[in-house]
Amino acid sequence: MSRYETLLDEERKIQELMEGVSLDFDDALQYYVAKTENLTLVTLDANFARVKDIKVISPNDITI
């Protein structure tokens, strides 16, 4: 497991992203990290349904 710590400059970028992707700060933070690190976002949050430039899946979509 790893941890991603945002810098103040990144948090400013996230704040700007909030309006562009219509997400609150917490969701915009997750979006930013997923996009920056080329990650798949696993969430039940319906707000991410409108985000098209990152991969978003439901926990139900995970196969082990």
N, C-alpha and C. Protein backbone atom coordinates (compact mmCIF):
# COMPACT_ATOMS: atom_id res chain seq x y z
N MET A 1 0.84 -1.17 0.00
CA MET A 1 0.00 0.00 0.00
C MET A 1 0.89 1.24 0.00
N SER A 2 0.45 2.25 -0.69
CA SER A 2 1.21 3.49 -0.71
C SER A 2 0.29 4.67 -0.38
N ARG A 3 0.91 5.77 -0.11
CA ARG A 3 0.17 6.97 0.25
C ARG A 3 0.62 8.11 -0.65
N TYR A 4 -0.32 8.89 -1.13
CA TYR A 4 -0.02 10.04 -1.98
C TYR A 4 -0.27 11.30 -1.18
N GLU A 5 0.76 12.07 -0.96
CA GLU A 5 0.61 13.33 -0.22
C GLU A 5 0.62 14.48 -1.22
N THR A 6 -0.42 15.29 -1.17
CA THR A 6 -0.50 16.42 -2.08
C THR A 6 0.29 17.61 -1.53
N LEU A 7 0.88 18.33 -2.46
CA LEU A 7 1.57 19.56 -2.13
C LEU A 7 0.58 20.72 -2.21
N LEU A 8 0.91 21.84 -1.64
CA LEU A 8 0.02 23.00 -1.66
C LEU A 8 -0.31 23.42 -3.09
N ASP A 9 0.69 23.37 -3.97
CA ASP A 9 0.46 23.72 -5.37
C ASP A 9 -0.55 22.77 -6.02
N GLU A 10 -0.47 21.49 -5.68
CA GLU A 10 -1.42 20.52 -6.21
C GLU A 10 -2.83 20.78 -5.67
N GLU A 11 -2.93 21.17 -4.43
CA GLU A 11 -4.23 21.46 -3.85
C GLU A 11 -4.88 22.68 -4.51
N ARG A 12 -4.05 23.62 -4.94
CA ARG A 12 -4.59 24.74 -5.73
C ARG A 12 -5.14 24.25 -7.06
N LYS A 13 -4.41 23.35 -7.71
CA LYS A 13 -4.88 22.77 -8.98
C LYS A 13 -6.18 22.01 -8.77
N ILE A 14 -6.27 21.28 -7.67
CA ILE A 14 -7.48 20.52 -7.36
C ILE A 14 -8.65 21.46 -7.16
N GLN A 15 -8.41 22.56 -6.48
CA GLN A 15 -9.46 23.56 -6.27
C GLN A 15 -9.97 24.09 -7.61
N GLU A 16 -9.06 24.33 -8.54
CA GLU A 16 -9.45 24.79 -9.88
C GLU A 16 -10.22 23.71 -10.64
N LEU A 17 -9.83 22.46 -10.45
CA LEU A 17 -10.50 21.34 -11.11
C LEU A 17 -11.95 21.17 -10.65
N MET A 18 -12.23 21.55 -9.44
CA MET A 18 -13.57 21.34 -8.86
C MET A 18 -14.67 21.83 -9.79
N GLU A 19 -14.49 23.01 -10.34
CA GLU A 19 -15.51 23.57 -11.22
C GLU A 19 -15.52 22.86 -12.57
N GLY A 20 -14.35 22.55 -13.09
CA GLY A 20 -14.25 21.93 -14.41
C GLY A 20 -14.87 20.54 -14.48
N VAL A 21 -14.76 19.79 -13.39
CA VAL A 21 -15.30 18.42 -13.38
C VAL A 21 -16.55 18.31 -12.52
N SER A 22 -17.02 19.43 -11.98
CA SER A 22 -18.23 19.48 -11.15
C SER A 22 -18.20 18.48 -9.99
N LEU A 23 -17.10 18.52 -9.24
CA LEU A 23 -16.95 17.66 -8.07
C LEU A 23 -16.60 18.51 -6.86
N ASP A 24 -16.93 18.02 -5.66
CA ASP A 24 -16.51 18.73 -4.46
C ASP A 24 -15.02 18.46 -4.25
N PHE A 25 -14.42 19.11 -3.24
CA PHE A 25 -12.95 19.00 -3.08
C PHE A 25 -12.50 17.56 -2.88
N ASP A 26 -13.19 16.81 -2.01
CA ASP A 26 -12.77 15.44 -1.74
C ASP A 26 -12.79 14.58 -3.00
N ASP A 27 -13.85 14.71 -3.78
CA ASP A 27 -13.96 13.95 -5.02
C ASP A 27 -12.95 14.43 -6.05
N ALA A 28 -12.75 15.74 -6.13
CA ALA A 28 -11.77 16.29 -7.06
C ALA A 28 -10.36 15.83 -6.69
N LEU A 29 -10.08 15.68 -5.41
CA LEU A 29 -8.79 15.17 -4.94
C LEU A 29 -8.58 13.74 -5.44
N GLN A 30 -9.59 12.89 -5.28
CA GLN A 30 -9.50 11.51 -5.75
C GLN A 30 -9.33 11.47 -7.27
N TYR A 31 -10.09 12.30 -7.96
CA TYR A 31 -9.99 12.40 -9.42
C TYR A 31 -8.56 12.81 -9.82
N TYR A 32 -8.03 13.84 -9.18
CA TYR A 32 -6.69 14.35 -9.50
C TYR A 32 -5.63 13.26 -9.33
N VAL A 33 -5.67 12.57 -8.21
CA VAL A 33 -4.66 11.54 -7.95
C VAL A 33 -4.80 10.40 -8.96
N ALA A 34 -6.02 9.97 -9.23
CA ALA A 34 -6.23 8.89 -10.21
C ALA A 34 -5.71 9.30 -11.58
N LYS A 35 -5.99 10.54 -11.97
CA LYS A 35 -5.55 11.02 -13.29
C LYS A 35 -4.02 11.19 -13.32
N THR A 36 -3.45 11.79 -12.29
CA THR A 36 -2.02 12.04 -12.23
C THR A 36 -1.21 10.75 -12.21
N GLU A 37 -1.70 9.76 -11.46
CA GLU A 37 -0.96 8.51 -11.29
C GLU A 37 -1.44 7.41 -12.25
N ASN A 38 -2.36 7.76 -13.17
CA ASN A 38 -2.90 6.80 -14.13
C ASN A 38 -3.49 5.58 -13.42
N LEU A 39 -4.38 5.84 -12.46
CA LEU A 39 -5.00 4.79 -11.65
C LEU A 39 -6.46 4.61 -12.03
N THR A 40 -7.00 3.47 -11.67
CA THR A 40 -8.43 3.22 -11.78
C THR A 40 -9.06 3.59 -10.45
N LEU A 41 -10.13 4.35 -10.49
CA LEU A 41 -10.82 4.78 -9.28
C LEU A 41 -11.93 3.78 -8.98
N VAL A 42 -11.91 3.20 -7.79
CA VAL A 42 -12.94 2.26 -7.36
C VAL A 42 -13.83 2.99 -6.36
N THR A 43 -15.10 3.14 -6.72
CA THR A 43 -15.99 3.92 -5.87
C THR A 43 -17.45 3.54 -6.09
N LEU A 44 -18.26 3.83 -5.09
CA LEU A 44 -19.71 3.71 -5.21
C LEU A 44 -20.34 5.08 -5.46
N ASP A 45 -19.52 6.12 -5.46
CA ASP A 45 -19.98 7.50 -5.59
C ASP A 45 -20.48 7.77 -7.01
N ALA A 46 -21.76 8.06 -7.13
CA ALA A 46 -22.39 8.29 -8.44
C ALA A 46 -21.88 9.57 -9.10
N ASN A 47 -21.27 10.47 -8.35
CA ASN A 47 -20.75 11.71 -8.93
C ASN A 47 -19.69 11.45 -9.99
N PHE A 48 -19.03 10.32 -9.91
CA PHE A 48 -17.96 10.02 -10.87
C PHE A 48 -18.49 9.47 -12.19
N ALA A 49 -19.78 9.24 -12.29
CA ALA A 49 -20.37 8.73 -13.54
C ALA A 49 -20.17 9.72 -14.69
N ARG A 50 -20.10 11.00 -14.38
CA ARG A 50 -19.94 12.01 -15.44
C ARG A 50 -18.48 12.25 -15.82
N VAL A 51 -17.55 11.65 -15.12
CA VAL A 51 -16.13 11.81 -15.42
C VAL A 51 -15.74 10.77 -16.47
N LYS A 52 -15.22 11.23 -17.59
CA LYS A 52 -14.93 10.33 -18.71
C LYS A 52 -13.45 10.12 -19.00
N ASP A 53 -12.57 10.92 -18.40
CA ASP A 53 -11.16 10.82 -18.78
C ASP A 53 -10.30 10.01 -17.81
N ILE A 54 -10.93 9.34 -16.84
CA ILE A 54 -10.25 8.35 -16.01
C ILE A 54 -11.14 7.12 -15.94
N LYS A 55 -10.55 5.99 -15.64
CA LYS A 55 -11.32 4.76 -15.50
C LYS A 55 -11.93 4.72 -14.10
N VAL A 56 -13.25 4.55 -14.05
CA VAL A 56 -13.98 4.48 -12.79
C VAL A 56 -14.78 3.18 -12.79
N ILE A 57 -14.60 2.38 -11.73
CA ILE A 57 -15.35 1.14 -11.61
C ILE A 57 -15.98 1.04 -10.23
N SER A 58 -16.96 0.16 -10.14
CA SER A 58 -17.62 -0.13 -8.86
C SER A 58 -16.88 -1.26 -8.18
N PRO A 59 -16.95 -1.36 -6.86
CA PRO A 59 -16.34 -2.50 -6.17
C PRO A 59 -16.88 -3.84 -6.70
N ASN A 60 -18.12 -3.84 -7.18
CA ASN A 60 -18.71 -5.06 -7.73
C ASN A 60 -18.02 -5.51 -9.00
N ASP A 61 -17.30 -4.60 -9.67
CA ASP A 61 -16.60 -4.91 -10.92
C ASP A 61 -15.25 -5.59 -10.70
N ILE A 62 -14.82 -5.66 -9.47
CA ILE A 62 -13.51 -6.24 -9.16
C ILE A 62 -13.62 -7.76 -9.11
N THR A 63 -12.74 -8.41 -9.84
CA THR A 63 -12.67 -9.87 -9.78
C THR A 63 -11.31 -10.28 -9.22
N ILE A 64 -11.34 -11.26 -8.38
CA ILE A 64 -10.08 -11.71 -7.75
C ILE A 64 -9.73 -13.08 -8.27
